[in-house]
Protein backbone atom coordinates (compact mmCIF):
# COMPACT_ATOMS: atom_id res chain seq x y z
CA UNK A 1 -126.92 44.61 83.29
CA UNK A 2 -130.26 45.91 82.10
CA UNK A 3 -132.56 43.53 80.28
CA UNK A 4 -132.64 44.21 76.53
CA UNK A 5 -136.43 44.20 76.55
CA UNK A 6 -136.44 46.77 79.34
CA UNK A 7 -134.12 49.03 77.37
CA UNK A 8 -136.22 48.64 74.25
CA UNK A 9 -139.48 49.42 76.03
CA UNK A 10 -138.08 52.23 78.24
CA UNK A 11 -135.71 53.80 75.78
CA UNK A 12 -136.20 57.45 76.76
CA UNK A 13 -135.94 56.70 80.49
CA UNK A 14 -132.69 54.79 79.91
CA UNK A 15 -131.39 57.60 77.73
CA UNK A 16 -132.21 60.18 80.43
CA UNK A 17 -130.56 58.00 83.11
CA UNK A 18 -127.37 57.81 81.03
CA UNK A 19 -127.40 61.57 80.59
CA UNK A 20 -127.94 62.17 84.33
CA UNK A 21 -125.01 59.88 85.12
CA UNK A 22 -122.69 61.80 82.78
CA UNK A 23 -122.21 58.53 80.88
CA UNK A 24 -121.86 57.94 77.18
CA UNK A 25 -123.48 54.89 75.53
CA UNK A 26 -124.56 54.58 71.88
CA UNK A 27 -128.17 53.57 72.47
CA UNK A 28 -129.05 54.12 68.79
CA UNK A 29 -126.51 51.42 67.89
CA UNK A 30 -128.01 49.20 70.60
CA UNK A 31 -131.52 49.58 69.24
CA UNK A 32 -130.36 49.02 65.63
CA UNK A 33 -128.53 45.82 66.59
CA UNK A 34 -131.43 44.63 68.74
CA UNK A 35 -133.82 45.15 65.84
CA UNK A 36 -131.45 43.40 63.40
CA UNK A 37 -131.04 40.45 65.76
CA UNK A 38 -134.79 39.98 66.16
CA UNK A 39 -135.32 40.25 62.39
CA UNK A 40 -132.62 37.67 61.70
CA UNK A 41 -134.08 35.31 64.30
CA UNK A 42 -137.52 35.59 62.69
CA UNK A 43 -136.03 34.87 59.25
CA UNK A 44 -134.11 31.84 60.51
CA UNK A 45 -137.15 30.50 62.36
CA UNK A 46 -139.17 30.80 59.14
CA UNK A 47 -136.48 28.96 57.19
CA UNK A 48 -136.22 26.26 59.87
CA UNK A 49 -140.00 25.76 59.79
CA UNK A 50 -139.80 25.49 56.00
CA UNK A 51 -137.01 22.94 56.29
CA UNK A 52 -139.03 20.85 58.77
CA UNK A 53 -142.03 20.84 56.45
CA UNK A 54 -140.01 19.95 53.37
CA UNK A 55 -138.07 17.27 55.29
CA UNK A 56 -141.40 15.59 56.03
CA UNK A 57 -142.29 15.80 52.33
CA UNK A 58 -138.92 14.26 51.38
CA UNK A 59 -139.62 11.37 53.79
CA UNK A 60 -143.04 10.84 52.19
CA UNK A 61 -141.56 10.83 48.69
CA UNK A 62 -138.87 8.35 49.72
CA UNK A 63 -141.47 6.06 51.31
CA UNK A 64 -143.40 6.11 48.00
CA UNK A 65 -140.16 5.58 46.01
CA UNK A 66 -140.57 8.93 44.31
CA UNK A 67 -137.83 11.32 43.25
CA UNK A 68 -136.87 13.71 46.06
CA UNK A 69 -133.49 14.86 44.69
CA UNK A 70 -134.66 18.39 43.82
CA UNK A 71 -136.04 18.97 47.30
CA UNK A 72 -132.93 17.47 48.91
CA UNK A 73 -130.70 19.84 46.93
CA UNK A 74 -132.95 22.79 47.82
CA UNK A 75 -132.76 21.88 51.51
CA UNK A 76 -129.00 21.63 51.35
CA UNK A 77 -128.87 25.20 50.04
CA UNK A 78 -131.39 26.29 52.63
CA UNK A 79 -129.27 24.65 55.37
CA UNK A 80 -126.22 26.56 54.17
CA UNK A 81 -128.22 29.81 54.30
CA UNK A 82 -129.43 29.01 57.83
CA UNK A 83 -125.83 28.32 58.97
CA UNK A 84 -124.69 31.67 57.57
CA UNK A 85 -127.52 33.52 59.30
CA UNK A 86 -127.01 31.64 62.58
CA UNK A 87 -123.41 32.82 62.51
CA UNK A 88 -124.53 36.39 61.79
CA UNK A 89 -127.04 36.21 64.67
CA UNK A 90 -124.22 35.21 66.99
CA UNK A 91 -122.05 38.10 65.79
CA UNK A 92 -124.87 40.62 66.17
CA UNK A 93 -125.77 39.24 69.61
CA UNK A 94 -122.17 39.61 70.75
CA UNK A 95 -121.98 43.20 69.48
CA UNK A 96 -125.28 43.89 71.21
CA UNK A 97 -124.00 42.39 74.49
CA UNK A 98 -120.86 44.56 74.40
CA UNK A 99 -123.04 47.69 74.30
CA UNK A 100 -125.44 46.24 76.87
CA UNK A 101 -122.55 45.65 79.30
CA UNK A 102 -121.68 49.39 79.09
CA UNK A 103 -125.19 50.65 79.96
CA UNK A 104 -125.19 51.74 83.64
CA UNK A 105 -127.80 50.64 86.11
CA UNK A 106 -131.00 52.64 86.44
CA UNK A 107 -130.92 55.02 89.42
CA UNK A 108 -133.62 54.53 92.03
CA UNK A 109 -136.25 57.33 91.82
CA UNK A 110 -135.11 58.65 95.22
CA UNK A 111 -131.57 59.34 93.94
CA UNK A 112 -131.08 63.13 93.53
CA UNK A 113 -130.14 64.42 90.09
CA UNK A 114 -126.79 66.19 90.23
CA UNK A 115 -123.64 66.74 88.23
CA UNK A 116 -120.93 65.62 90.68
CA UNK A 117 -120.07 64.98 94.35
CA UNK A 118 -120.64 68.64 95.24
CA UNK A 119 -124.37 67.96 94.87
CA UNK A 120 -124.57 64.93 97.18
CA UNK A 121 -127.07 65.86 99.94
CA UNK A 122 -126.20 65.15 103.58
CA UNK A 123 -128.52 62.54 105.09
CA UNK A 124 -127.35 62.56 108.69
CA UNK A 125 -124.32 63.46 110.84
CA UNK A 126 -122.76 62.01 113.96
CA UNK A 127 -120.17 63.43 116.34
CA UNK A 128 -118.44 66.76 116.42
CA UNK A 129 -114.96 67.47 115.09
CA UNK A 130 -112.32 67.70 117.85
CA UNK A 131 -111.10 71.16 118.81
CA UNK A 132 -107.33 70.87 119.06
CA UNK A 133 -105.19 73.23 121.10
CA UNK A 134 -102.56 72.93 118.37
CA UNK A 135 -102.56 72.77 114.57
CA UNK A 136 -103.38 69.13 113.69
CA UNK A 137 -100.94 67.30 111.43
CA UNK A 138 -101.70 65.21 108.37
CA UNK A 139 -101.79 61.49 109.06
CA UNK A 140 -98.75 60.71 106.90
CA UNK A 141 -96.66 63.23 108.83
CA UNK A 142 -97.79 61.74 112.12
CA UNK A 143 -96.97 58.21 110.90
CA UNK A 144 -93.55 59.20 109.54
CA UNK A 145 -92.66 61.08 112.75
CA UNK A 146 -93.60 58.03 114.85
CA UNK A 147 -91.70 55.69 112.48
CA UNK A 148 -94.81 53.57 111.81
CA UNK A 149 -95.38 54.53 108.12
CA UNK A 150 -92.70 54.51 105.43
CA UNK A 151 -93.55 55.65 101.90
CA UNK A 152 -89.96 56.40 100.86
CA UNK A 153 -88.71 52.82 101.12
CA UNK A 154 -91.96 51.47 99.68
CA UNK A 155 -91.32 53.66 96.61
CA UNK A 156 -87.96 51.91 96.15
CA UNK A 157 -89.67 48.54 96.06
CA UNK A 158 -92.99 49.25 94.31
CA UNK A 159 -93.24 52.89 93.32
CA UNK A 160 -95.67 55.63 94.38
CA UNK A 161 -98.92 55.01 96.28
CA UNK A 162 -97.51 52.17 98.42
CA UNK A 163 -96.53 52.09 102.11
CA UNK A 164 -94.67 49.99 104.58
CA UNK A 165 -96.51 49.78 107.91
CA UNK A 166 -93.91 49.39 110.69
CA UNK A 167 -94.27 48.12 114.24
CA UNK A 168 -97.23 49.83 115.93
CA UNK A 169 -98.47 50.91 112.50
CA UNK A 170 -98.80 47.31 111.36
CA UNK A 171 -100.38 46.36 114.70
CA UNK A 172 -102.86 49.24 114.40
CA UNK A 173 -103.90 48.11 110.90
CA UNK A 174 -104.35 44.57 112.20
CA UNK A 175 -106.27 45.78 115.26
CA UNK A 176 -108.61 47.81 113.07
CA UNK A 177 -109.59 44.99 110.71
CA UNK A 178 -109.84 42.39 113.46
CA UNK A 179 -112.19 44.67 115.37
CA UNK A 180 -114.27 45.21 112.19
CA UNK A 181 -114.51 41.50 111.45
CA UNK A 182 -115.43 40.67 115.05
CA UNK A 183 -118.13 43.37 115.07
CA UNK A 184 -119.67 42.25 111.76
CA UNK A 185 -119.62 38.54 112.58
CA UNK A 186 -120.54 38.63 116.27
CA UNK A 187 -123.01 41.53 116.24
CA UNK A 188 -124.24 42.12 112.71
CA UNK A 189 -124.82 38.53 111.58
CA UNK A 190 -122.31 38.22 108.76
CA UNK A 191 -120.45 35.01 107.91
CA UNK A 192 -116.73 35.58 107.51
CA UNK A 193 -115.17 34.38 104.24
CA UNK A 194 -111.61 34.24 102.95
CA UNK A 195 -112.13 34.44 99.15
CA UNK A 196 -109.69 34.20 96.23
CA UNK A 197 -107.70 37.38 95.65
CA UNK A 198 -107.30 36.58 91.92
CA UNK A 199 -110.41 36.18 89.78
CA UNK A 200 -111.25 35.56 86.13
CA UNK A 201 -112.74 37.84 83.53
CA UNK A 202 -116.23 36.36 83.96
CA UNK A 203 -116.28 37.25 87.64
CA UNK A 204 -115.10 40.79 86.96
CA UNK A 205 -117.77 41.21 84.30
CA UNK A 206 -120.42 39.82 86.67
CA UNK A 207 -120.01 42.63 89.18
CA UNK A 208 -119.56 45.35 86.55
CA UNK A 209 -115.85 46.12 86.86
CA UNK A 210 -115.40 44.90 83.28
CA UNK A 211 -115.47 45.97 80.56
CA UNK A 212 -115.96 49.59 81.65
CA UNK A 213 -113.15 49.91 84.21
CA UNK A 214 -110.43 47.76 82.63
CA UNK A 215 -107.80 50.56 82.99
CA UNK A 216 -108.15 50.46 86.77
CA UNK A 217 -107.41 46.72 87.02
CA UNK A 218 -104.19 44.81 87.51
CA UNK A 219 -104.30 42.07 84.92
CA UNK A 220 -102.39 38.78 84.95
CA UNK A 221 -101.90 35.92 82.54
CA UNK A 222 -102.32 32.57 84.27
CA UNK A 223 -101.92 29.53 82.03
CA UNK A 224 -103.11 31.58 79.07
CA UNK A 225 -106.24 32.86 80.86
CA UNK A 226 -106.99 36.49 81.69
CA UNK A 227 -106.99 36.88 85.47
CA UNK A 228 -107.23 39.94 87.66
CA UNK A 229 -106.13 41.01 91.16
CA UNK A 230 -109.34 41.94 92.97
CA UNK A 231 -110.12 45.68 93.31
CA UNK A 232 -112.49 44.82 96.16
CA UNK A 233 -113.82 41.68 97.87
CA UNK A 234 -117.19 42.61 96.36
CA UNK A 235 -116.05 40.70 93.24
CA UNK A 236 -115.40 37.21 94.72
CA UNK A 237 -118.13 37.55 97.37
CA UNK A 238 -120.88 38.55 94.89
CA UNK A 239 -119.82 35.87 92.39
CA UNK A 240 -119.94 33.11 95.02
CA UNK A 241 -123.42 32.12 93.83
CA UNK A 242 -122.93 33.00 90.13
CA UNK A 243 -124.90 30.71 87.84
CA UNK A 244 -126.91 29.25 90.77
CA UNK A 245 -130.54 29.25 91.87
CA UNK A 246 -131.06 29.76 95.60
CA UNK A 247 -134.07 28.87 97.70
CA UNK A 248 -136.07 31.79 99.11
CA UNK A 249 -135.50 30.47 102.63
CA UNK A 250 -131.74 30.91 102.13
CA UNK A 251 -132.19 34.67 101.80
CA UNK A 252 -130.94 37.06 102.98
CA UNK A 253 -127.30 35.95 102.84
CA UNK A 254 -124.77 38.16 104.67
CA UNK A 255 -121.04 37.65 104.06
CA UNK A 256 -117.97 39.66 105.00
CA UNK A 257 -114.30 39.43 104.17
CA UNK A 258 -111.01 41.17 104.78
CA UNK A 259 -108.92 41.25 101.61
CA UNK A 260 -106.16 43.25 100.03
CA UNK A 261 -107.50 45.40 97.18
CA UNK A 262 -105.49 46.38 94.12
CA UNK A 263 -106.29 49.42 91.99
CA UNK A 264 -104.25 51.06 89.27
CA UNK A 265 -105.96 54.40 90.06
CA UNK A 266 -105.92 55.38 86.39
CA UNK A 267 -106.86 59.02 85.95
CA UNK A 268 -106.07 59.97 89.54
CA UNK A 269 -102.74 61.71 88.79
CA UNK A 270 -102.23 64.57 91.22
CA UNK A 271 -105.01 63.46 93.60
CA UNK A 272 -104.07 62.32 97.15
CA UNK A 273 -100.50 61.62 96.14
CA UNK A 274 -99.44 61.41 99.81
CA UNK A 275 -100.90 59.33 102.60
CA UNK A 276 -103.24 56.38 102.83
CA UNK A 277 -106.29 57.78 101.08
CA UNK A 278 -105.60 56.56 97.55
CA UNK A 279 -103.28 53.56 97.37
CA UNK A 280 -102.59 50.94 94.70
CA UNK A 281 -102.75 48.26 97.45
CA UNK A 282 -104.87 48.51 100.59
CA UNK A 283 -106.93 46.39 102.98
CA UNK A 284 -110.68 46.62 103.16
CA UNK A 285 -113.36 44.77 105.07
CA UNK A 286 -116.25 44.26 102.67
CA UNK A 287 -119.90 43.44 103.42
CA UNK A 288 -122.07 41.78 100.76
CA UNK A 289 -125.74 40.78 100.86
CA UNK A 290 -128.01 38.70 98.67
CA UNK A 291 -131.68 39.56 99.25
CA UNK A 292 -135.19 39.35 97.80
CA UNK A 293 -136.20 42.34 95.66
CA UNK A 294 -138.82 43.58 98.13
CA UNK A 295 -136.39 43.65 101.08
CA UNK A 296 -133.29 45.12 99.45
CA UNK A 297 -133.82 48.77 100.43
CA UNK A 298 -134.41 47.87 104.07
CA UNK A 299 -131.24 45.83 103.83
CA UNK A 300 -129.38 48.84 102.34
CA UNK A 301 -130.30 50.91 105.40
CA UNK A 302 -129.04 48.12 107.69
CA UNK A 303 -125.85 47.79 105.69
CA UNK A 304 -125.15 51.49 105.93
CA UNK A 305 -125.82 51.43 109.70
CA UNK A 306 -123.35 48.51 110.02
CA UNK A 307 -120.64 50.72 108.50
CA UNK A 308 -121.65 53.68 110.68
CA UNK A 309 -121.53 51.58 113.85
CA UNK A 310 -117.82 50.95 113.33
CA UNK A 311 -117.13 54.70 113.29
CA UNK A 312 -119.34 55.23 116.34
CA UNK A 313 -117.45 52.57 118.26
CA UNK A 314 -114.17 54.22 117.25
CA UNK A 315 -115.66 57.60 118.21
CA UNK A 316 -114.77 59.12 114.85
CA UNK A 317 -117.05 61.97 113.62
CA UNK A 318 -118.73 61.29 110.30
CA UNK A 319 -121.66 62.11 108.09
CA UNK A 320 -123.67 60.17 105.51
CA UNK A 321 -124.45 61.51 102.02
CA UNK A 322 -126.68 60.13 99.27
CA UNK A 323 -124.79 60.03 96.00
CA UNK A 324 -126.39 62.00 93.20
CA UNK A 325 -126.76 60.71 89.63
CA UNK A 326 -123.50 62.32 88.53
CA UNK A 327 -121.44 60.64 91.27
CA UNK A 328 -123.05 57.21 91.75
CA UNK A 329 -121.19 54.09 90.69
CA UNK A 330 -121.86 52.25 87.41
CA UNK A 331 -123.58 49.18 88.98
CA UNK A 332 -125.44 50.93 91.79
CA UNK A 333 -129.12 51.86 91.85
CA UNK A 334 -128.64 53.83 95.07
CA UNK A 335 -125.59 54.56 97.22
CA UNK A 336 -124.94 56.07 100.59
CA UNK A 337 -121.39 57.22 101.26
CA UNK A 338 -120.16 57.35 104.83
CA UNK A 339 -117.53 60.06 105.15
CA UNK A 340 -115.21 60.38 108.17
CA UNK A 341 -113.79 63.68 109.44
CA UNK A 342 -110.13 64.46 108.73
CA UNK A 343 -109.14 67.41 110.96
CA UNK A 344 -105.91 68.31 109.13
CA UNK A 345 -107.82 68.64 105.87
CA UNK A 346 -110.83 70.18 107.60
CA UNK A 347 -113.31 68.03 105.68
CA UNK A 348 -115.07 64.72 105.49
CA UNK A 349 -113.60 61.94 103.27
CA UNK A 350 -115.26 58.80 102.03
CA UNK A 351 -114.55 55.72 104.09
CA UNK A 352 -117.44 53.50 102.96
CA UNK A 353 -119.81 53.28 100.00
CA UNK A 354 -122.95 51.21 100.64
CA UNK A 355 -124.86 50.32 97.49
CA UNK A 356 -127.93 48.45 96.36
CA UNK A 357 -127.36 47.22 92.79
CA UNK A 358 -130.85 45.66 92.70
CA UNK A 359 -130.78 42.88 90.03
CA UNK A 360 -128.07 44.55 87.90
CA UNK A 361 -125.17 42.35 89.05
CA UNK A 362 -127.38 39.29 89.51
CA UNK A 363 -128.45 39.47 85.88
CA UNK A 364 -124.83 39.73 84.73
CA UNK A 365 -123.70 36.88 87.00
CA UNK A 366 -126.97 34.89 86.62
CA UNK A 367 -127.81 34.62 90.35
CA UNK A 368 -131.43 33.70 90.96
CA UNK A 369 -133.82 32.31 93.57
CA UNK A 370 -137.14 30.43 93.68
CA UNK A 371 -139.91 31.43 96.08
CA UNK A 372 -141.08 27.81 96.07
CA UNK A 373 -140.26 24.61 94.21
CA UNK A 374 -142.73 25.34 91.38
CA UNK A 375 -142.06 29.08 91.08
CA UNK A 376 -140.23 30.65 88.16
CA UNK A 377 -136.69 31.73 89.09
CA UNK A 378 -136.20 35.43 89.86
CA UNK A 379 -133.02 37.44 90.08
CA UNK A 380 -131.80 38.23 93.60
CA UNK A 381 -130.82 41.75 94.60
CA UNK A 382 -127.17 42.20 95.61
CA UNK A 383 -125.75 44.86 97.95
CA UNK A 384 -122.23 45.74 98.97
CA UNK A 385 -120.48 48.14 101.26
CA UNK A 386 -117.12 48.79 102.92
CA UNK A 387 -117.11 47.98 106.57
CA UNK A 388 -114.62 49.80 106.42
CA UNK A 389 -111.67 50.74 104.21
CA UNK A 390 -108.90 49.86 106.67
CA UNK A 391 -106.14 52.24 105.56
CA UNK A 392 -108.47 55.20 105.59
CA UNK A 393 -109.64 54.18 109.04
CA UNK A 394 -106.06 54.09 110.28
CA UNK A 395 -105.48 57.53 108.73
CA UNK A 396 -108.61 58.92 110.44
CA UNK A 397 -107.49 57.50 113.79
CA UNK A 398 -104.01 59.04 113.47
CA UNK A 399 -105.47 62.45 112.70
CA UNK A 400 -108.39 62.51 115.15
CA UNK A 401 -106.48 60.91 118.07
CA UNK A 402 -103.18 62.82 117.69
CA UNK A 403 -101.75 64.47 120.77
CA UNK A 404 -99.76 67.67 121.17
CA UNK A 405 -96.55 65.72 121.89
CA UNK A 406 -96.82 63.81 118.58
CA UNK A 407 -98.17 60.62 120.10
CA UNK A 408 -101.51 59.05 119.17
CA UNK A 409 -104.09 57.83 121.68
CA UNK A 410 -105.55 54.44 120.86
CA UNK A 411 -109.38 54.33 120.64
CA UNK A 412 -110.77 52.48 123.62
CA UNK A 413 -112.33 49.64 121.61
CA UNK A 414 -108.98 48.89 119.98
CA UNK A 415 -106.94 48.72 123.18
CA UNK A 416 -107.58 45.00 123.76
CA UNK A 417 -106.24 44.40 120.25
CA UNK A 418 -103.31 46.85 120.49
CA UNK A 419 -102.30 45.96 124.11
CA UNK A 420 -101.49 49.63 124.68
CA UNK A 421 -103.25 52.96 125.23
CA UNK A 422 -100.89 55.22 123.28
CA UNK A 423 -98.67 54.98 120.18
CA UNK A 424 -95.48 56.95 120.82
């Protein structure tokens, strides 16, 4: 969330940022409400000061046994007026906050201006696509032929965009995420966490999923309270320190978690209707960092490299792109997407988004730190990234490691987890 004062004092920059992001926010309404709120507060403060002064006069009159009834009646009316305006201030503040929650984060100056993902510049590239001696198959066809993926029976139970993983398919999924967790905890310095998979509205608002993306969420009613299945572990991991003040010597904090993720995929009709790319339920290993403001962009580079290292270890070709203003996520100030090569599609597909949200989420979730015991609290910077999306990794392995006879070679680093060299 952007600070109201920042929006007020940088109105044209905020307006331009919204335009560049292809977003739509009524900033004129925001400014009008902000002005009204400040005017009402000034009026109420004036009335409260008057009431304090007159109250002292009433006390003096009473001490001198003089008539104070007229002043008492006037103060009763003034108190009623103050109560009405206090209520109006609350209503205006809430309306202001609802608009404020819809204003996207400011893009970092280094983020390229562009209309959509076609204008995301490539930052670097690793590995070369495999030259097959045969026409490579799509991952879902490979999985169905091997009997390790079953969408048809999943559709009977849950509908479209779900899968059963069977036998070696389930083992491959488990091998992939265990390898990722081991790499992040043993090599990259993350602490593993098993977080809640159901969170409340406050937590979803804290990371920016609500109110903007409510249509993409699976909502529950638990004892009369709005609850949500997590769309990503970013939500519970980032909210771990919500409402708290950390010490500077606690930073940076690195945490990682494997969780199921649940997304309604509203608006994705007709896109990736087959396979593991766009599912309503999928596993993902998430990386989250809490850092000081001055270190957050160095930490973003490290975070992105952590995601890349998984693909290097799996020997999967990939490239990294910097998301332009028209493609970057709502909460992010800067994002690098890591995209892995899918030979059957002949293109790179996103497998990790690594973002620095700066203090945008921390302001919403009220996560701060003190540089020393006497220092004023500052907002931390929060970062998040997939390390990696597990289903998409499985899909990439099936396509890149497929063999002419229909079998799939197991990447070397996964063989100790799989206890086999080939899936057949």
